[in-house]
Structure formats: C-alpha cells, structure tokens
Amino acid sequence: MPEHPGRGIRATILVALIVCPQWPVSVPMASADTAHVDLQASLPVTAEELMPLEVRHGVYLVTEGPIQGRQVPFTFEPHGDRWVLTKQEVARHELHRDRQGNLLINRETDLREDRQIDYVSPVMLIPATVDRDTSLTGKTRVTVRSTHTPSVTYRGICTWQLDFIGVAPVETPAGTRPVYRLRAKREIRLPLAQISMTIDFEYVRGTGMVATSVDQVIHSLGLFTERERWRLEQLP
C-alpha cells in the first residue's frame, strides 16, 4: 500500500521552488510612493535580468522554519537542456528557459524523503517580461514517485497563479538597488491530500533571487490541517 500523501509529499513541497539568493536580506514592503517611483524607473524587466542562468555556488541559511538556523550548501549548474539547483541532502530543482524567454520549472525532488514531482506542463517561475500588470495563471497534471522506483505513486493536479507585487529598495554589496517581488500561489490536489502554498520571491536585477518566503498549508483526509512557514537567504 502506498504511503499516505500527507507525509511523503509534505517534505517535497516544503523545499520546492527556492532558487539561489545572493546574500542575506530582509526587505521591508515599500510604501505606495516608493513603489511608484521604483516602478517608473525599473520596469519592465526580463526573466534573464532577474534570474541569469550562470553557474553559482554558495550556502543557504534557513532564517525561519522547522530547520531554522541550518546552513545548506548549494550549486546551480547546467545539465543538458536544463539548469539544476541542488541543495545538499535537501532538494533538487530542474528549470529551463523556453524560446519566448520564460523561466519554467520542470521537476522537483526531495532528497530527504526520496520524492520526485514532475510537472507535465512546466510551471512558470518568471515570465519573459515582468511589468506592473503581470498576472498569470495555469494548471498542469503532476506525477509523484520515488526516485528509486519507476512506478508512479500519486497523480494529481496543480493550479498556479503568479503576480508581480512591487519593487522596494534593498541594500546590497553594490549599494542600494531595487528588489523585485513576485508572488506564486499554488494548489496541488492529490488523493486524500491538498497542499496550498504562497511563495514570495525577491530578485535583484542582474544578480538573481535574494530571498524566498514560503507559507504552506496541508489538508489531509479532510480532517487534519498543518501549516508551516519558511524563509531562506544566502550567506555572504
């Protein structure tokens, strides 16, 4: 009998979609006036500018969540036609940029729980061009399996929404620069379980992602609800 999805899938979702930030940063939400000024000067911006496909190595710091304080080494490197972010002993995320310039998520693997999620249609991480009115939605089938066996453990549906939510100033080693915020809302429905996530991504143009926050709720069997919040930042 397959393992209950509320357990096996849980850890996979917790570490999903977290792509390498460049230094620790805590960015306050901009005021309406500040956001307006930054928007005028800083948009539109491209996916290539927000998340350059360049080899990176570093160490994450979990600043909020069940493993708060843990340091996790990572690599971000090309593998065939995909770019792969590997967080040591934690997770692996496979991305690609399509011909239109969109950055998409193909597969995510939880290395701790031996669970792999494949998106039948890739999920949007960053659209080719981000502007003040960027708002996208989509739906795809997902399969979830053990990396050691070819059989599919679960099949489900993922619905997603991605919105641009603003620009705020942030201090970086290069001085004050605007940080761009994208918010992803995702819902994965599996047999006997439903996972809802809100993920805030923060990017610096020409550098990449500087922080990621995850708010996740798991409903199991229609009876049990678990909620967890995570935030990851890269050490200098």
Protein backbone atom coordinates (compact mmCIF):
# COMPACT_ATOMS: atom_id res chain seq x y z
CA MET A 1 0.00 0.00 0.00
CA PRO A 2 1.45 3.42 -0.90
CA GLU A 3 2.49 5.82 1.83
CA HIS A 4 -0.04 8.48 2.84
CA PRO A 5 0.48 11.54 0.61
CA GLY A 6 0.22 13.95 3.53
CA ARG A 7 3.54 12.55 4.78
CA GLY A 8 5.54 11.63 1.69
CA ILE A 9 4.56 14.70 -0.32
CA ARG A 10 4.86 17.10 2.62
CA ALA A 11 8.62 17.47 2.70
CA THR A 12 8.86 17.77 -1.07
CA ILE A 13 6.55 20.76 -1.10
CA LEU A 14 8.35 22.41 1.82
CA VAL A 15 11.59 22.76 -0.09
CA ALA A 16 10.13 23.38 -3.53
CA LEU A 17 10.78 26.41 -5.72
CA ILE A 18 13.58 28.03 -3.76
CA VAL A 19 16.21 29.29 -6.20
CA CYS A 20 19.55 30.71 -5.09
CA PRO A 21 19.60 34.13 -3.39
CA GLN A 22 22.89 36.08 -3.28
CA TRP A 23 23.19 37.46 0.28
CA PRO A 24 21.10 37.70 3.46
CA VAL A 25 18.44 40.35 3.03
CA SER A 26 15.30 41.38 4.86
CA VAL A 27 13.39 43.71 2.59
CA PRO A 28 10.57 45.83 4.03
CA MET A 29 7.46 46.25 1.93
CA ALA A 30 7.73 49.53 0.05
CA SER A 31 5.34 52.38 0.68
CA ALA A 32 2.96 53.28 -2.12
CA ASP A 33 5.07 56.35 -3.00
CA THR A 34 8.37 54.42 -3.01
CA ALA A 35 6.91 51.59 -5.06
CA HIS A 36 5.53 54.09 -7.58
CA VAL A 37 8.90 55.79 -8.05
CA ASP A 38 10.74 52.46 -8.41
CA LEU A 39 8.17 51.12 -10.84
CA GLN A 40 8.58 54.12 -13.10
CA ALA A 41 12.36 53.71 -13.15
CA SER A 42 12.75 49.94 -13.05
CA LEU A 43 10.07 48.30 -15.22
CA PRO A 44 9.69 46.39 -17.41
CA VAL A 45 12.38 43.82 -16.58
CA THR A 46 13.16 40.47 -18.20
CA ALA A 47 13.49 36.98 -16.77
CA GLU A 48 17.09 36.92 -18.00
CA GLU A 49 17.82 40.05 -15.96
CA LEU A 50 16.05 38.80 -12.83
CA MET A 51 17.49 35.27 -12.91
CA PRO A 52 20.64 34.99 -15.05
CA LEU A 53 21.48 31.42 -16.00
CA GLU A 54 25.00 31.44 -14.59
CA VAL A 55 26.90 28.87 -12.54
CA ARG A 56 26.62 29.61 -8.82
CA HIS A 57 27.82 28.02 -5.61
CA GLY A 58 27.07 29.08 -2.07
CA VAL A 59 25.40 28.34 1.23
CA TYR A 60 21.80 28.93 2.26
CA LEU A 61 20.72 29.96 5.72
CA VAL A 62 17.22 28.97 6.86
CA THR A 63 16.09 32.08 8.76
CA GLU A 64 12.57 30.84 9.53
CA GLY A 65 11.02 27.38 9.62
CA PRO A 66 11.36 23.92 11.18
CA ILE A 67 15.11 23.77 10.49
CA GLN A 68 15.79 27.44 11.31
CA GLY A 69 19.49 28.20 11.63
CA ARG A 70 20.63 25.34 9.39
CA GLN A 71 23.21 26.07 6.69
CA VAL A 72 22.72 24.25 3.38
CA PRO A 73 25.40 24.31 0.61
CA PHE A 74 24.02 24.63 -2.92
CA THR A 75 25.07 24.52 -6.59
CA PHE A 76 23.29 25.98 -9.62
CA GLU A 77 24.62 24.46 -12.84
CA PRO A 78 23.55 23.41 -16.35
CA HIS A 79 22.68 19.77 -17.01
CA GLY A 80 21.77 19.10 -20.62
CA ASP A 81 18.96 21.43 -21.64
CA ARG A 82 18.08 22.28 -18.03
CA TRP A 83 19.57 24.24 -15.15
CA VAL A 84 19.62 22.38 -11.86
CA LEU A 85 19.69 23.84 -8.38
CA THR A 86 20.89 21.24 -5.87
CA LYS A 87 20.66 21.91 -2.14
CA GLN A 88 22.90 19.36 -0.45
CA GLU A 89 20.92 16.48 1.10
CA VAL A 90 17.75 18.58 0.89
CA ALA A 91 16.35 19.11 -2.62
CA ARG A 92 16.94 19.43 -6.35
CA HIS A 93 15.03 21.72 -8.77
CA GLU A 94 15.19 21.48 -12.57
CA LEU A 95 14.48 24.60 -14.67
CA HIS A 96 14.62 25.67 -18.29
CA ARG A 97 14.17 28.85 -20.32
CA ASP A 98 11.86 28.47 -23.31
CA ARG A 99 12.15 30.16 -26.72
CA GLN A 100 9.94 33.02 -25.56
CA GLY A 101 12.28 33.75 -22.64
CA ASN A 102 10.09 32.38 -19.83
CA LEU A 103 11.85 30.59 -16.95
CA LEU A 104 9.94 27.39 -16.12
CA ILE A 105 10.02 24.62 -13.51
CA ASN A 106 10.04 21.03 -14.84
CA ARG A 107 10.81 18.82 -11.86
CA GLU A 108 11.49 19.00 -8.13
CA THR A 109 12.97 16.30 -5.92
CA ASP A 110 13.04 15.99 -2.14
CA LEU A 111 16.34 14.26 -1.38
CA ARG A 112 15.43 13.67 2.27
CA GLU A 113 12.12 11.90 1.62
CA ASP A 114 13.00 10.33 -1.77
CA ARG A 115 10.08 12.02 -3.53
CA GLN A 116 10.08 13.49 -7.04
CA ILE A 117 7.41 15.76 -8.54
CA ASP A 118 7.16 16.06 -12.33
CA TYR A 119 5.03 18.82 -13.83
CA VAL A 120 3.53 17.52 -17.07
CA SER A 121 3.36 21.13 -18.30
CA PRO A 122 6.13 23.23 -16.74
CA VAL A 123 5.11 25.77 -14.11
CA MET A 124 6.03 29.44 -14.57
CA LEU A 125 8.79 30.77 -12.33
CA ILE A 126 9.47 34.09 -14.13
CA PRO A 127 7.72 35.26 -17.33
CA ALA A 128 9.86 36.55 -20.19
CA THR A 129 8.94 40.14 -19.30
CA VAL A 130 7.75 41.40 -15.92
CA ASP A 131 5.75 44.62 -15.73
CA ARG A 132 3.47 46.28 -13.21
CA ASP A 133 0.39 44.43 -14.51
CA THR A 134 1.99 40.95 -14.71
CA SER A 135 -0.51 38.31 -13.56
CA LEU A 136 -0.55 34.77 -14.94
CA THR A 137 -2.47 31.57 -14.16
CA GLY A 138 -2.21 27.96 -15.23
CA LYS A 139 -2.97 24.32 -14.48
CA THR A 140 -0.97 21.15 -15.01
CA ARG A 141 -1.05 17.48 -14.13
CA VAL A 142 1.64 16.25 -11.75
CA THR A 143 3.11 12.83 -11.02
CA VAL A 144 4.84 11.97 -7.76
CA ARG A 145 7.16 8.99 -7.40
CA SER A 146 10.11 7.57 -5.55
CA THR A 147 13.42 8.27 -7.29
CA HIS A 148 14.40 4.62 -6.77
CA THR A 149 11.35 3.06 -8.46
CA PRO A 150 9.80 3.85 -11.85
CA SER A 151 6.21 3.35 -10.75
CA VAL A 152 4.03 6.40 -10.22
CA THR A 153 2.97 6.74 -6.60
CA TYR A 154 0.39 9.51 -6.98
CA ARG A 155 -1.20 11.58 -9.74
CA GLY A 156 -2.72 14.97 -9.16
CA ILE A 157 -3.43 18.47 -10.43
CA CYS A 158 -1.51 21.68 -9.74
CA THR A 159 -3.17 25.05 -10.29
CA TRP A 160 -0.98 28.14 -10.06
CA GLN A 161 -1.04 31.92 -10.16
CA LEU A 162 1.94 34.27 -10.46
CA ASP A 163 1.70 38.03 -9.76
CA PHE A 164 4.12 40.93 -9.68
CA ILE A 165 3.56 42.61 -6.29
CA GLY A 166 6.02 45.50 -6.22
CA VAL A 167 9.51 46.96 -6.06
CA ALA A 168 11.35 48.10 -2.92
CA PRO A 169 14.87 49.40 -2.24
CA VAL A 170 17.40 47.00 -0.71
CA GLU A 171 21.00 47.42 0.44
CA THR A 172 23.43 45.15 -1.47
CA PRO A 173 27.24 44.98 -1.67
CA ALA A 174 26.91 47.18 -4.78
CA GLY A 175 24.79 49.80 -3.00
CA THR A 176 21.05 50.45 -2.86
CA ARG A 177 19.18 48.67 -5.65
CA PRO A 178 15.54 47.81 -6.33
CA VAL A 179 14.32 44.36 -5.35
CA TYR A 180 11.52 42.89 -7.47
CA ARG A 181 8.81 40.82 -5.80
CA LEU A 182 6.84 38.03 -7.45
CA ARG A 183 4.22 36.03 -5.57
CA ALA A 184 3.29 32.48 -6.58
CA LYS A 185 0.14 30.81 -5.30
CA ARG A 186 -0.09 27.08 -5.91
CA GLU A 187 -2.53 24.36 -5.03
CA ILE A 188 -1.72 20.69 -5.53
CA ARG A 189 -4.57 18.21 -5.21
CA LEU A 190 -3.62 14.59 -4.59
CA PRO A 191 -5.58 11.56 -3.37
CA LEU A 192 -6.51 12.25 0.26
CA ALA A 193 -4.40 15.45 0.46
CA GLN A 194 -4.34 19.05 -0.69
CA ILE A 195 -1.33 21.38 -0.43
CA SER A 196 -1.74 25.16 -0.69
CA MET A 197 1.32 27.41 -0.93
CA THR A 198 2.11 31.09 -1.17
CA ILE A 199 5.73 31.74 -2.18
CA ASP A 200 7.25 35.23 -2.30
CA PHE A 201 10.35 35.55 -4.49
CA GLU A 202 12.65 38.59 -4.23
CA TYR A 203 15.06 39.33 -7.09
CA VAL A 204 17.81 41.88 -7.76
CA ARG A 205 18.29 42.72 -11.42
CA GLY A 206 21.44 41.17 -12.86
CA THR A 207 22.06 39.08 -9.76
CA GLY A 208 19.19 36.68 -9.15
CA MET A 209 16.97 35.76 -6.26
CA VAL A 210 17.91 37.33 -2.94
CA ALA A 211 15.29 35.72 -0.70
CA THR A 212 12.35 33.32 -0.70
CA SER A 213 9.49 33.01 1.79
CA VAL A 214 7.06 30.07 1.83
CA ASP A 215 3.71 29.82 3.61
CA GLN A 216 2.24 26.32 3.28
CA VAL A 217 -0.95 24.63 4.43
CA ILE A 218 -1.57 20.86 4.11
CA HIS A 219 -5.05 19.38 4.40
CA SER A 220 -5.12 15.59 4.84
CA LEU A 221 -8.19 13.34 4.64
CA GLY A 222 -10.37 16.41 5.07
CA LEU A 223 -9.66 16.17 8.80
CA PHE A 224 -6.11 17.31 9.55
CA THR A 225 -4.50 20.68 8.79
CA GLU A 226 -0.82 21.58 9.15
CA ARG A 227 0.74 24.98 8.50
CA GLU A 228 4.41 25.89 8.16
CA ARG A 229 6.33 28.98 7.16
CA TRP A 230 9.84 29.11 5.73
CA ARG A 231 12.35 31.76 4.71
CA LEU A 232 15.73 31.18 3.08
CA GLU A 233 18.57 33.64 2.46
CA GLN A 234 22.08 33.12 1.20
CA LEU A 235 25.11 33.70 3.39
CA PRO A 236 27.75 36.17 2.08
